[in-house]
Amino acid sequence: MDLGDILSPEQIKADLQAANRWEAIDELIGNLVASGKIKPEHREAITAVVKKRESSMSTGIGFGIGIPHASTDLIYEVVGAFGRSKKGINFDALDNQPVNLVMLFLVPQGQFQKHLHTLAKIAKLLHKKEFRLALENAPDGQAMYDIIKSESGK
């Protein structure tokens, strides 16, 4: 499962307003509700499970990347939302640097291997400096999606 398979242009926010990781999670889950990927009535429960996971250890992995994620029985397929912050977000990242690119994803409960595999693929892709720079400099969400789509199948 590639990053391009779990995103669509509507699931990319090119201008996250969040100042911290909790606001970023709220904003991206709001995007998943707005794009129909999660039901509005599941929003609070899903937000709680992502924040619980995030509070156990920050998913700010360095290089300006945050990958909040969780498993839940409220979805049936892997779903995700991608956000970019031009000003940077305090994510309590491992390198203490602000985060500019946030990839939130959810995996159905009990699919541990798929969860690890998806996390590994996203982290590997986002560790490519030229890929991160292209995303940071893309003019809008559609352009970001095109970059992700062209890069994620490689």
Foldseek 3Di string as FASTA:
>chain_A
DWPLVQDDLLQEAAAQPAQAPLSVLLVNLVSCCVVPVAPPVCSVVVSVQQVVVCVVDFQQADPQEGEGEGEEQRHDAKHKGKYAHLVFHQRVHPVRGGHGIYIYMYGYPPPVVVVVVHVVLVVVQCVPPVLVVQSNPDPGSNSNSVSRVVRGVD
